[in-house]
Amino acid sequence: LMQSLKNITNSRFPGYIGSVYIVNFGWMYQGIWQVAKLLL
C-alpha cells in the first residue's frame, strides 16, 4: 500500500510535493511509520 501511494504521487505530481504534514499522529501509528519510512 505504501509503495502504491508513493507511485501515485510520483506519477501524478512529479516534483510537486513540497511537504507532508501528518496531524494527530499517536503512538499506535509508530509501527506504520516504521514500515513506511523504509520505502522512502
Full PDB file with SEQRES, HELIX, SHEET, SSBOND, CRYST1, ORIGX, SCALE, CONECT and MASTER records, all heavy atoms in Angstrom:
SEQRES   1 A   40  LEU MET GLN SER LEU LYS ASN ILE THR ASN SER ARG PHE          
SEQRES   2 A   40  PRO GLY TYR ILE GLY SER VAL TYR ILE VAL ASN PHE GLY          
SEQRES   3 A   40  TRP MET TYR GLN GLY ILE TRP GLN VAL ALA LYS LEU LEU          
SEQRES   4 A   40  LEU                                                          
HELIX    1 AA1 MET A    2  ARG A   12  1                                  11    
HELIX    2 AA2 TRP A   27  TYR A   29  5                                   3    
HELIX    3 AA3 GLN A   30  LEU A   38  1                                   9    
CRYST1    1.000    1.000    1.000  90.00  90.00  90.00 P 1           1          
ORIGX1      1.000000  0.000000  0.000000        0.00000                         
ORIGX2      0.000000  1.000000  0.000000        0.00000                         
ORIGX3      0.000000  0.000000  1.000000        0.00000                         
SCALE1      1.000000  0.000000  0.000000        0.00000                         
SCALE2      0.000000  1.000000  0.000000        0.00000                         
SCALE3      0.000000  0.000000  1.000000        0.00000                         
ATOM      1  N   LEU A   1       0.827  -1.199   0.000  1.00  0.00           N  
ATOM      2  CA  LEU A   1       0.000   0.000   0.000  1.00  0.00           C  
ATOM      3  C   LEU A   1       0.862   1.250   0.000  1.00  0.00           C  
ATOM      4  O   LEU A   1       0.618   2.197  -0.745  1.00  0.00           O  
ATOM      5  CB  LEU A   1      -0.942   0.002   1.206  1.00  0.00           C  
ATOM      6  CG  LEU A   1      -1.782   1.272   1.387  1.00  0.00           C  
ATOM      7  CD1 LEU A   1      -2.679   1.513   0.184  1.00  0.00           C  
ATOM      8  CD2 LEU A   1      -2.593   1.180   2.661  1.00  0.00           C  
ATOM      9  N   MET A   2       1.889   1.268   0.831  1.00  0.00           N  
ATOM     10  CA  MET A   2       2.770   2.429   0.894  1.00  0.00           C  
ATOM     11  C   MET A   2       3.477   2.652  -0.443  1.00  0.00           C  
ATOM     12  O   MET A   2       3.623   3.774  -0.897  1.00  0.00           O  
ATOM     13  CB  MET A   2       3.789   2.273   2.022  1.00  0.00           C  
ATOM     14  CG  MET A   2       3.163   2.176   3.408  1.00  0.00           C  
ATOM     15  SD  MET A   2       1.994   3.497   3.789  1.00  0.00           S  
ATOM     16  CE  MET A   2       3.057   4.898   3.743  1.00  0.00           C  
ATOM     17  N   GLN A   3       3.898   1.572  -1.089  1.00  0.00           N  
ATOM     18  CA  GLN A   3       4.560   1.674  -2.392  1.00  0.00           C  
ATOM     19  C   GLN A   3       3.582   2.220  -3.437  1.00  0.00           C  
ATOM     20  O   GLN A   3       3.955   3.046  -4.266  1.00  0.00           O  
ATOM     21  CB  GLN A   3       5.106   0.313  -2.820  1.00  0.00           C  
ATOM     22  CG  GLN A   3       5.996   0.383  -4.038  1.00  0.00           C  
ATOM     23  CD  GLN A   3       7.276   1.159  -3.784  1.00  0.00           C  
ATOM     24  OE1 GLN A   3       7.893   1.034  -2.746  1.00  0.00           O  
ATOM     25  NE2 GLN A   3       7.671   1.971  -4.728  1.00  0.00           N  
ATOM     26  N   SER A   4       2.324   1.791  -3.376  1.00  0.00           N  
ATOM     27  CA  SER A   4       1.312   2.284  -4.315  1.00  0.00           C  
ATOM     28  C   SER A   4       1.079   3.777  -4.132  1.00  0.00           C  
ATOM     29  O   SER A   4       0.983   4.520  -5.114  1.00  0.00           O  
ATOM     30  CB  SER A   4      -0.007   1.538  -4.117  1.00  0.00           C  
ATOM     31  OG  SER A   4       0.137   0.185  -4.431  1.00  0.00           O  
ATOM     32  N   LEU A   5       0.978   4.229  -2.886  1.00  0.00           N  
ATOM     33  CA  LEU A   5       0.798   5.661  -2.627  1.00  0.00           C  
ATOM     34  C   LEU A   5       1.979   6.468  -3.161  1.00  0.00           C  
ATOM     35  O   LEU A   5       1.812   7.538  -3.744  1.00  0.00           O  
ATOM     36  CB  LEU A   5       0.615   5.902  -1.135  1.00  0.00           C  
ATOM     37  CG  LEU A   5      -0.702   5.428  -0.538  1.00  0.00           C  
ATOM     38  CD1 LEU A   5      -0.679   5.557   0.980  1.00  0.00           C  
ATOM     39  CD2 LEU A   5      -1.867   6.191  -1.126  1.00  0.00           C  
ATOM     40  N   LYS A   6       3.168   5.946  -2.959  1.00  0.00           N  
ATOM     41  CA  LYS A   6       4.372   6.618  -3.452  1.00  0.00           C  
ATOM     42  C   LYS A   6       4.351   6.697  -4.981  1.00  0.00           C  
ATOM     43  O   LYS A   6       4.645   7.745  -5.562  1.00  0.00           O  
ATOM     44  CB  LYS A   6       5.600   5.855  -2.971  1.00  0.00           C  
ATOM     45  CG  LYS A   6       6.909   6.452  -3.401  1.00  0.00           C  
ATOM     46  CD  LYS A   6       8.051   5.610  -2.867  1.00  0.00           C  
ATOM     47  CE  LYS A   6       9.343   5.950  -3.544  1.00  0.00           C  
ATOM     48  NZ  LYS A   6      10.421   5.049  -3.181  1.00  0.00           N  
ATOM     49  N   ASN A   7       3.959   5.618  -5.641  1.00  0.00           N  
ATOM     50  CA  ASN A   7       3.903   5.600  -7.107  1.00  0.00           C  
ATOM     51  C   ASN A   7       2.862   6.574  -7.643  1.00  0.00           C  
ATOM     52  O   ASN A   7       3.086   7.237  -8.651  1.00  0.00           O  
ATOM     53  CB  ASN A   7       3.620   4.186  -7.613  1.00  0.00           C  
ATOM     54  CG  ASN A   7       4.790   3.261  -7.387  1.00  0.00           C  
ATOM     55  OD1 ASN A   7       5.927   3.695  -7.222  1.00  0.00           O  
ATOM     56  ND2 ASN A   7       4.517   1.965  -7.361  1.00  0.00           N  
ATOM     57  N   ILE A   8       1.714   6.676  -6.961  1.00  0.00           N  
ATOM     58  CA  ILE A   8       0.670   7.605  -7.390  1.00  0.00           C  
ATOM     59  C   ILE A   8       1.162   9.045  -7.311  1.00  0.00           C  
ATOM     60  O   ILE A   8       1.005   9.816  -8.258  1.00  0.00           O  
ATOM     61  CB  ILE A   8      -0.611   7.423  -6.551  1.00  0.00           C  
ATOM     62  CG1 ILE A   8      -1.278   6.093  -6.904  1.00  0.00           C  
ATOM     63  CG2 ILE A   8      -1.577   8.594  -6.753  1.00  0.00           C  
ATOM     64  CD1 ILE A   8      -2.380   5.694  -5.952  1.00  0.00           C  
ATOM     65  N   THR A   9       1.760   9.412  -6.201  1.00  0.00           N  
ATOM     66  CA  THR A   9       2.232  10.797  -6.078  1.00  0.00           C  
ATOM     67  C   THR A   9       3.361  11.085  -7.055  1.00  0.00           C  
ATOM     68  O   THR A   9       3.428  12.174  -7.615  1.00  0.00           O  
ATOM     69  CB  THR A   9       2.683  11.124  -4.640  1.00  0.00           C  
ATOM     70  OG1 THR A   9       3.694  10.211  -4.241  1.00  0.00           O  
ATOM     71  CG2 THR A   9       1.522  11.064  -3.678  1.00  0.00           C  
ATOM     72  N   ASN A  10       4.234  10.119  -7.287  1.00  0.00           N  
ATOM     73  CA  ASN A  10       5.337  10.341  -8.225  1.00  0.00           C  
ATOM     74  C   ASN A  10       4.853  10.444  -9.668  1.00  0.00           C  
ATOM     75  O   ASN A  10       5.400  11.219 -10.448  1.00  0.00           O  
ATOM     76  CB  ASN A  10       6.383   9.236  -8.097  1.00  0.00           C  
ATOM     77  CG  ASN A  10       7.192   9.354  -6.838  1.00  0.00           C  
ATOM     78  OD1 ASN A  10       7.211  10.390  -6.199  1.00  0.00           O  
ATOM     79  ND2 ASN A  10       7.848   8.269  -6.465  1.00  0.00           N  
ATOM     80  N   SER A  11       3.823   9.682 -10.038  1.00  0.00           N  
ATOM     81  CA  SER A  11       3.356   9.725 -11.425  1.00  0.00           C  
ATOM     82  C   SER A  11       2.416  10.900 -11.685  1.00  0.00           C  
ATOM     83  O   SER A  11       2.444  11.496 -12.751  1.00  0.00           O  
ATOM     84  CB  SER A  11       2.678   8.410 -11.811  1.00  0.00           C  
ATOM     85  OG  SER A  11       1.519   8.196 -11.038  1.00  0.00           O  
ATOM     86  N   ARG A  12       1.598  11.251 -10.709  1.00  0.00           N  
ATOM     87  CA  ARG A  12       0.629  12.343 -10.909  1.00  0.00           C  
ATOM     88  C   ARG A  12       1.181  13.719 -10.566  1.00  0.00           C  
ATOM     89  O   ARG A  12       0.762  14.711 -11.143  1.00  0.00           O  
ATOM     90  CB  ARG A  12      -0.629  12.092 -10.096  1.00  0.00           C  
ATOM     91  CG  ARG A  12      -1.405  10.911 -10.610  1.00  0.00           C  
ATOM     92  CD  ARG A  12      -2.705  10.789  -9.893  1.00  0.00           C  
ATOM     93  NE  ARG A  12      -3.423   9.639 -10.386  1.00  0.00           N  
ATOM     94  CZ  ARG A  12      -4.718   9.627 -10.605  1.00  0.00           C  
ATOM     95  NH1 ARG A  12      -5.417  10.703 -10.379  1.00  0.00           N  
ATOM     96  NH2 ARG A  12      -5.299   8.543 -11.041  1.00  0.00           N  
ATOM     97  N   PHE A  13       2.059  13.774  -9.598  1.00  0.00           N  
ATOM     98  CA  PHE A  13       2.603  15.058  -9.148  1.00  0.00           C  
ATOM     99  C   PHE A  13       4.126  15.001  -9.036  1.00  0.00           C  
ATOM    100  O   PHE A  13       4.683  15.278  -7.981  1.00  0.00           O  
ATOM    101  CB  PHE A  13       2.003  15.436  -7.785  1.00  0.00           C  
ATOM    102  CG  PHE A  13       0.508  15.401  -7.748  1.00  0.00           C  
ATOM    103  CD1 PHE A  13      -0.160  14.351  -7.137  1.00  0.00           C  
ATOM    104  CD2 PHE A  13      -0.240  16.409  -8.330  1.00  0.00           C  
ATOM    105  CE1 PHE A  13      -1.543  14.305  -7.102  1.00  0.00           C  
ATOM    106  CE2 PHE A  13      -1.623  16.378  -8.306  1.00  0.00           C  
ATOM    107  CZ  PHE A  13      -2.279  15.320  -7.694  1.00  0.00           C  
ATOM    108  N   PRO A  14       4.809  14.655 -10.108  1.00  0.00           N  
ATOM    109  CA  PRO A  14       6.278  14.512 -10.007  1.00  0.00           C  
ATOM    110  C   PRO A  14       6.964  15.830  -9.653  1.00  0.00           C  
ATOM    111  O   PRO A  14       6.782  16.833 -10.333  1.00  0.00           O  
ATOM    112  CB  PRO A  14       6.672  14.033 -11.400  1.00  0.00           C  
ATOM    113  CG  PRO A  14       5.587  14.521 -12.299  1.00  0.00           C  
ATOM    114  CD  PRO A  14       4.332  14.507 -11.471  1.00  0.00           C  
ATOM    115  N   GLY A  15       7.677  15.823  -8.565  1.00  0.00           N  
ATOM    116  CA  GLY A  15       8.429  17.002  -8.155  1.00  0.00           C  
ATOM    117  C   GLY A  15       7.608  18.106  -7.523  1.00  0.00           C  
ATOM    118  O   GLY A  15       8.138  19.160  -7.197  1.00  0.00           O  
ATOM    119  N   TYR A  16       6.306  17.896  -7.342  1.00  0.00           N  
ATOM    120  CA  TYR A  16       5.452  18.952  -6.814  1.00  0.00           C  
ATOM    121  C   TYR A  16       5.196  18.844  -5.321  1.00  0.00           C  
ATOM    122  O   TYR A  16       4.711  19.785  -4.707  1.00  0.00           O  
ATOM    123  CB  TYR A  16       4.094  18.971  -7.534  1.00  0.00           C  
ATOM    124  CG  TYR A  16       4.174  19.583  -8.902  1.00  0.00           C  
ATOM    125  CD1 TYR A  16       4.444  18.802 -10.013  1.00  0.00           C  
ATOM    126  CD2 TYR A  16       3.985  20.943  -9.086  1.00  0.00           C  
ATOM    127  CE1 TYR A  16       4.518  19.358 -11.275  1.00  0.00           C  
ATOM    128  CE2 TYR A  16       4.061  21.507 -10.345  1.00  0.00           C  
ATOM    129  CZ  TYR A  16       4.330  20.708 -11.437  1.00  0.00           C  
ATOM    130  OH  TYR A  16       4.410  21.266 -12.679  1.00  0.00           O  
ATOM    131  N   ILE A  17       5.456  17.707  -4.720  1.00  0.00           N  
ATOM    132  CA  ILE A  17       5.183  17.548  -3.301  1.00  0.00           C  
ATOM    133  C   ILE A  17       6.283  18.257  -2.516  1.00  0.00           C  
ATOM    134  O   ILE A  17       7.428  17.832  -2.496  1.00  0.00           O  
ATOM    135  CB  ILE A  17       5.114  16.059  -2.890  1.00  0.00           C  
ATOM    136  CG1 ILE A  17       4.132  15.284  -3.773  1.00  0.00           C  
ATOM    137  CG2 ILE A  17       4.747  15.939  -1.411  1.00  0.00           C  
ATOM    138  CD1 ILE A  17       2.715  15.761  -3.733  1.00  0.00           C  
ATOM    139  N   GLY A  18       5.908  19.375  -1.888  1.00  0.00           N  
ATOM    140  CA  GLY A  18       6.875  20.151  -1.123  1.00  0.00           C  
ATOM    141  C   GLY A  18       7.002  19.661   0.305  1.00  0.00           C  
ATOM    142  O   GLY A  18       8.085  19.536   0.847  1.00  0.00           O  
ATOM    143  N   SER A  19       5.849  19.376   0.917  1.00  0.00           N  
ATOM    144  CA  SER A  19       5.859  18.919   2.292  1.00  0.00           C  
ATOM    145  C   SER A  19       4.592  18.137   2.590  1.00  0.00           C  
ATOM    146  O   SER A  19       3.558  18.336   1.954  1.00  0.00           O  
ATOM    147  CB  SER A  19       5.998  20.096   3.256  1.00  0.00           C  
ATOM    148  OG  SER A  19       5.027  21.079   2.978  1.00  0.00           O  
ATOM    149  N   VAL A  20       4.720  17.244   3.546  1.00  0.00           N  
ATOM    150  CA  VAL A  20       3.588  16.448   4.015  1.00  0.00           C  
ATOM    151  C   VAL A  20       3.519  16.632   5.521  1.00  0.00           C  
ATOM    152  O   VAL A  20       4.498  16.392   6.227  1.00  0.00           O  
ATOM    153  CB  VAL A  20       3.755  14.945   3.666  1.00  0.00           C  
ATOM    154  CG1 VAL A  20       2.608  14.125   4.237  1.00  0.00           C  
ATOM    155  CG2 VAL A  20       3.884  14.749   2.160  1.00  0.00           C  
ATOM    156  N   TYR A  21       2.363  17.098   5.989  1.00  0.00           N  
ATOM    157  CA  TYR A  21       2.140  17.299   7.417  1.00  0.00           C  
ATOM    158  C   TYR A  21       1.158  16.247   7.903  1.00  0.00           C  
ATOM    159  O   TYR A  21       0.047  16.138   7.381  1.00  0.00           O  
ATOM    160  CB  TYR A  21       1.574  18.695   7.695  1.00  0.00           C  
ATOM    161  CG  TYR A  21       2.492  19.796   7.258  1.00  0.00           C  
ATOM    162  CD1 TYR A  21       2.268  20.503   6.085  1.00  0.00           C  
ATOM    163  CD2 TYR A  21       3.608  20.121   8.021  1.00  0.00           C  
ATOM    164  CE1 TYR A  21       3.121  21.520   5.687  1.00  0.00           C  
ATOM    165  CE2 TYR A  21       4.466  21.139   7.630  1.00  0.00           C  
ATOM    166  CZ  TYR A  21       4.220  21.825   6.462  1.00  0.00           C  
ATOM    167  OH  TYR A  21       5.066  22.817   6.063  1.00  0.00           O  
ATOM    168  N   ILE A  22       1.550  15.469   8.885  1.00  0.00           N  
ATOM    169  CA  ILE A  22       0.678  14.460   9.467  1.00  0.00           C  
ATOM    170  C   ILE A  22       0.254  14.971  10.834  1.00  0.00           C  
ATOM    171  O   ILE A  22       1.081  15.218  11.707  1.00  0.00           O  
ATOM    172  CB  ILE A  22       1.382  13.098   9.544  1.00  0.00           C  
ATOM    173  CG1 ILE A  22       1.792  12.674   8.129  1.00  0.00           C  
ATOM    174  CG2 ILE A  22       0.459  12.065  10.199  1.00  0.00           C  
ATOM    175  CD1 ILE A  22       2.561  11.398   8.048  1.00  0.00           C  
ATOM    176  N   VAL A  23      -1.076  15.161  10.985  1.00  0.00           N  
ATOM    177  CA  VAL A  23      -1.644  15.745  12.190  1.00  0.00           C  
ATOM    178  C   VAL A  23      -2.317  14.647  13.008  1.00  0.00           C  
ATOM    179  O   VAL A  23      -2.911  13.724  12.457  1.00  0.00           O  
ATOM    180  CB  VAL A  23      -2.678  16.838  11.819  1.00  0.00           C  
ATOM    181  CG1 VAL A  23      -3.213  17.539  13.058  1.00  0.00           C  
ATOM    182  CG2 VAL A  23      -2.067  17.844  10.866  1.00  0.00           C  
ATOM    183  N   ASN A  24      -2.236  14.763  14.318  1.00  0.00           N  
ATOM    184  CA  ASN A  24      -2.849  13.822  15.261  1.00  0.00           C  
ATOM    185  C   ASN A  24      -2.240  12.424  15.153  1.00  0.00           C  
ATOM    186  O   ASN A  24      -2.943  11.423  15.171  1.00  0.00           O  
ATOM    187  CB  ASN A  24      -4.372  13.773  15.071  1.00  0.00           C  
ATOM    188  CG  ASN A  24      -5.008  15.102  15.374  1.00  0.00           C  
ATOM    189  OD1 ASN A  24      -4.713  15.723  16.394  1.00  0.00           O  
ATOM    190  ND2 ASN A  24      -5.862  15.569  14.487  1.00  0.00           N  
ATOM    191  N   PHE A  25      -0.941  12.379  15.058  1.00  0.00           N  
ATOM    192  CA  PHE A  25      -0.197  11.123  14.977  1.00  0.00           C  
ATOM    193  C   PHE A  25       0.024  10.591  16.388  1.00  0.00           C  
ATOM    194  O   PHE A  25       0.715  11.204  17.187  1.00  0.00           O  
ATOM    195  CB  PHE A  25       1.148  11.375  14.295  1.00  0.00           C  
ATOM    196  CG  PHE A  25       1.991  10.155  14.084  1.00  0.00           C  
ATOM    197  CD1 PHE A  25       1.746   9.313  13.016  1.00  0.00           C  
ATOM    198  CD2 PHE A  25       3.019   9.842  14.945  1.00  0.00           C  
ATOM    199  CE1 PHE A  25       2.523   8.189  12.804  1.00  0.00           C  
ATOM    200  CE2 PHE A  25       3.804   8.716  14.747  1.00  0.00           C  
ATOM    201  CZ  PHE A  25       3.555   7.887  13.665  1.00  0.00           C  
ATOM    202  N   GLY A  26      -0.594   9.469  16.699  1.00  0.00           N  
ATOM    203  CA  GLY A  26      -0.465   8.884  18.030  1.00  0.00           C  
ATOM    204  C   GLY A  26       0.557   7.760  18.048  1.00  0.00           C  
ATOM    205  O   GLY A  26       1.026   7.287  17.018  1.00  0.00           O  
ATOM    206  N   TRP A  27       0.872   7.314  19.229  1.00  0.00           N  
ATOM    207  CA  TRP A  27       1.877   6.264  19.414  1.00  0.00           C  
ATOM    208  C   TRP A  27       1.493   4.980  18.682  1.00  0.00           C  
ATOM    209  O   TRP A  27       2.341   4.219  18.259  1.00  0.00           O  
ATOM    210  CB  TRP A  27       2.080   5.981  20.902  1.00  0.00           C  
ATOM    211  CG  TRP A  27       0.834   5.451  21.565  1.00  0.00           C  
ATOM    212  CD1 TRP A  27      -0.122   6.179  22.203  1.00  0.00           C  
ATOM    213  CD2 TRP A  27       0.416   4.088  21.630  1.00  0.00           C  
ATOM    214  NE1 TRP A  27      -1.119   5.360  22.659  1.00  0.00           N  
ATOM    215  CE2 TRP A  27      -0.811   4.062  22.325  1.00  0.00           C  
ATOM    216  CE3 TRP A  27       0.954   2.893  21.165  1.00  0.00           C  
ATOM    217  CZ2 TRP A  27      -1.507   2.891  22.561  1.00  0.00           C  
ATOM    218  CZ3 TRP A  27       0.252   1.721  21.410  1.00  0.00           C  
ATOM    219  CH2 TRP A  27      -0.956   1.720  22.102  1.00  0.00           C  
ATOM    220  N   MET A  28       0.168   4.737  18.505  1.00  0.00           N  
ATOM    221  CA  MET A  28      -0.263   3.492  17.881  1.00  0.00           C  
ATOM    222  C   MET A  28       0.081   3.418  16.402  1.00  0.00           C  
ATOM    223  O   MET A  28       0.018   2.354  15.810  1.00  0.00           O  
ATOM    224  CB  MET A  28      -1.755   3.257  18.089  1.00  0.00           C  
ATOM    225  CG  MET A  28      -2.637   4.309  17.512  1.00  0.00           C  
ATOM    226  SD  MET A  28      -2.641   5.696  18.608  1.00  0.00           S  
ATOM    227  CE  MET A  28      -4.280   6.257  18.523  1.00  0.00           C  
ATOM    228  N   TYR A  29       0.489   4.547  15.812  1.00  0.00           N  
ATOM    229  CA  TYR A  29       0.866   4.562  14.401  1.00  0.00           C  
ATOM    230  C   TYR A  29       2.375   4.411  14.187  1.00  0.00           C  
ATOM    231  O   TYR A  29       2.854   4.452  13.065  1.00  0.00           O  
ATOM    232  CB  TYR A  29       0.378   5.849  13.738  1.00  0.00           C  
ATOM    233  CG  TYR A  29      -1.128   5.983  13.775  1.00  0.00           C  
ATOM    234  CD1 TYR A  29      -1.738   6.878  14.642  1.00  0.00           C  
ATOM    235  CD2 TYR A  29      -1.928   5.197  12.957  1.00  0.00           C  
ATOM    236  CE1 TYR A  29      -3.116   6.995  14.692  1.00  0.00           C  
ATOM    237  CE2 TYR A  29      -3.303   5.307  12.996  1.00  0.00           C  
ATOM    238  CZ  TYR A  29      -3.890   6.204  13.869  1.00  0.00           C  
ATOM    239  OH  TYR A  29      -5.255   6.309  13.916  1.00  0.00           O  
ATOM    240  N   GLN A  30       3.130   4.252  15.240  1.00  0.00           N  
ATOM    241  CA  GLN A  30       4.584   4.130  15.127  1.00  0.00           C  
ATOM    242  C   GLN A  30       4.993   2.961  14.235  1.00  0.00           C  
ATOM    243  O   GLN A  30       5.929   3.067  13.450  1.00  0.00           O  
ATOM    244  CB  GLN A  30       5.226   3.975  16.511  1.00  0.00           C  
ATOM    245  CG  GLN A  30       5.271   5.250  17.307  1.00  0.00           C  
ATOM    246  CD  GLN A  30       6.168   6.303  16.684  1.00  0.00           C  
ATOM    247  OE1 GLN A  30       7.121   6.008  15.980  1.00  0.00           O  
ATOM    248  NE2 GLN A  30       5.844   7.555  16.940  1.00  0.00           N  
ATOM    249  N   GLY A  31       4.306   1.832  14.347  1.00  0.00           N  
ATOM    250  CA  GLY A  31       4.630   0.667  13.520  1.00  0.00           C  
ATOM    251  C   GLY A  31       4.432   0.940  12.042  1.00  0.00           C  
ATOM    252  O   GLY A  31       5.239   0.529  11.200  1.00  0.00           O  
ATOM    253  N   ILE A  32       3.345   1.657  11.719  1.00  0.00           N  
ATOM    254  CA  ILE A  32       3.083   2.013  10.319  1.00  0.00           C  
ATOM    255  C   ILE A  32       4.193   2.909   9.795  1.00  0.00           C  
ATOM    256  O   ILE A  32       4.686   2.729   8.683  1.00  0.00           O  
ATOM    257  CB  ILE A  32       1.711   2.704  10.195  1.00  0.00           C  
ATOM    258  CG1 ILE A  32       0.599   1.718  10.565  1.00  0.00           C  
ATOM    259  CG2 ILE A  32       1.507   3.260   8.795  1.00  0.00           C  
ATOM    260  CD1 ILE A  32      -0.764   2.354  10.726  1.00  0.00           C  
ATOM    261  N   TRP A  33       4.617   3.879  10.599  1.00  0.00           N  
ATOM    262  CA  TRP A  33       5.691   4.777  10.185  1.00  0.00           C  
ATOM    263  C   TRP A  33       6.995   4.008   9.989  1.00  0.00           C  
ATOM    264  O   TRP A  33       7.760   4.279   9.062  1.00  0.00           O  
ATOM    265  CB  TRP A  33       5.865   5.922  11.172  1.00  0.00           C  
ATOM    266  CG  TRP A  33       7.047   6.782  10.865  1.00  0.00           C  
ATOM    267  CD1 TRP A  33       8.116   7.017  11.671  1.00  0.00           C  
ATOM    268  CD2 TRP A  33       7.309   7.499   9.656  1.00  0.00           C  
ATOM    269  NE1 TRP A  33       9.011   7.835  11.051  1.00  0.00           N  
ATOM    270  CE2 TRP A  33       8.556   8.149   9.806  1.00  0.00           C  
ATOM    271  CE3 TRP A  33       6.621   7.651   8.466  1.00  0.00           C  
ATOM    272  CZ2 TRP A  33       9.108   8.943   8.806  1.00  0.00           C  
ATOM    273  CZ3 TRP A  33       7.189   8.442   7.467  1.00  0.00           C  
ATOM    274  CH2 TRP A  33       8.398   9.073   7.647  1.00  0.00           C  
ATOM    275  N   GLN A  34       7.263   3.025  10.839  1.00  0.00           N  
ATOM    276  CA  GLN A  34       8.492   2.226  10.701  1.00  0.00           C  
ATOM    277  C   GLN A  34       8.525   1.501   9.364  1.00  0.00           C  
ATOM    278  O   GLN A  34       9.571   1.392   8.733  1.00  0.00           O  
ATOM    279  CB  GLN A  34       8.615   1.232  11.865  1.00  0.00           C  
ATOM    280  CG  GLN A  34       8.795   1.883  13.223  1.00  0.00           C  
ATOM    281  CD  GLN A  34       9.989   2.821  13.291  1.00  0.00           C  
ATOM    282  OE1 GLN A  34      11.055   2.526  12.782  1.00  0.00           O  
ATOM    283  NE2 GLN A  34       9.798   3.970  13.916  1.00  0.00           N  
ATOM    284  N   VAL A  35       7.371   0.997   8.905  1.00  0.00           N  
ATOM    285  CA  VAL A  35       7.287   0.334   7.597  1.00  0.00           C  
ATOM    286  C   VAL A  35       7.402   1.362   6.477  1.00  0.00           C  
ATOM    287  O   VAL A  35       8.159   1.189   5.522  1.00  0.00           O  
ATOM    288  CB  VAL A  35       5.969  -0.462   7.455  1.00  0.00           C  
ATOM    289  CG1 VAL A  35       5.787  -0.976   6.032  1.00  0.00           C  
ATOM    290  CG2 VAL A  35       5.939  -1.616   8.445  1.00  0.00           C  
ATOM    291  N   ALA A  36       6.650   2.459   6.609  1.00  0.00           N  
ATOM    292  CA  ALA A  36       6.606   3.475   5.551  1.00  0.00           C  
ATOM    293  C   ALA A  36       7.969   4.093   5.291  1.00  0.00           C  
ATOM    294  O   ALA A  36       8.370   4.272   4.132  1.00  0.00           O  
ATOM    295  CB  ALA A  36       5.605   4.564   5.918  1.00  0.00           C  
ATOM    296  N   LYS A  37       8.718   4.398   6.333  1.00  0.00           N  
ATOM    297  CA  LYS A  37       9.986   5.100   6.121  1.00  0.00           C  
ATOM    298  C   LYS A  37      11.042   4.218   5.455  1.00  0.00           C  
ATOM    299  O   LYS A  37      11.979   4.734   4.853  1.00  0.00           O  
ATOM    300  CB  LYS A  37      10.496   5.725   7.411  1.00  0.00           C  
ATOM    301  CG  LYS A  37      11.020   4.782   8.441  1.00  0.00           C  
ATOM    302  CD  LYS A  37      11.459   5.585   9.649  1.00  0.00           C  
ATOM    303  CE  LYS A  37      12.097   4.725  10.696  1.00  0.00           C  
ATOM    304  NZ  LYS A  37      12.539   5.502  11.846  1.00  0.00           N  
ATOM    305  N   LEU A  38      10.875   2.897   5.506  1.00  0.00           N  
ATOM    306  CA  LEU A  38      11.802   2.005   4.804  1.00  0.00           C  
ATOM    307  C   LEU A  38      11.689   2.154   3.292  1.00  0.00           C  
ATOM    308  O   LEU A  38      12.637   1.879   2.561  1.00  0.00           O  
ATOM    309  CB  LEU A  38      11.546   0.552   5.196  1.00  0.00           C  
ATOM    310  CG  LEU A  38      11.834   0.192   6.653  1.00  0.00           C  
ATOM    311  CD1 LEU A  38      11.388  -1.233   6.929  1.00  0.00           C  
ATOM    312  CD2 LEU A  38      13.303   0.390   6.987  1.00  0.00           C  
ATOM    313  N   LEU A  39      10.525   2.607   2.829  1.00  0.00           N  
ATOM    314  CA  LEU A  39      10.267   2.737   1.396  1.00  0.00           C  
ATOM    315  C   LEU A  39      10.599   4.124   0.851  1.00  0.00           C  
ATOM    316  O   LEU A  39      10.515   4.347  -0.341  1.00  0.00           O  
ATOM    317  CB  LEU A  39       8.795   2.425   1.112  1.00  0.00           C  
ATOM    318  CG  LEU A  39       8.327   1.053   1.574  1.00  0.00           C  
ATOM    319  CD1 LEU A  39       6.820   0.949   1.455  1.00  0.00           C  
ATOM    320  CD2 LEU A  39       9.009  -0.041   0.783  1.00  0.00           C  
ATOM    321  N   LEU A  40      10.970   5.031   1.745  1.00  0.00           N  
ATOM    322  CA  LEU A  40      11.197   6.415   1.336  1.00  0.00           C  
ATOM    323  C   LEU A  40      12.674   6.766   1.323  1.00  0.00           C  
ATOM    324  O   LEU A  40      13.449   6.268   2.135  1.00  0.00           O  
ATOM    325  CB  LEU A  40      10.473   7.363   2.304  1.00  0.00           C  
ATOM    326  CG  LEU A  40       8.963   7.198   2.415  1.00  0.00           C  
ATOM    327  CD1 LEU A  40       8.423   8.077   3.540  1.00  0.00           C  
ATOM    328  CD2 LEU A  40       8.288   7.535   1.102  1.00  0.00           C  
TER     329      LEU A  40                                                      
MASTER        0    0    0    3    0    0    0    6  328    1    0    4          
END                                                                             
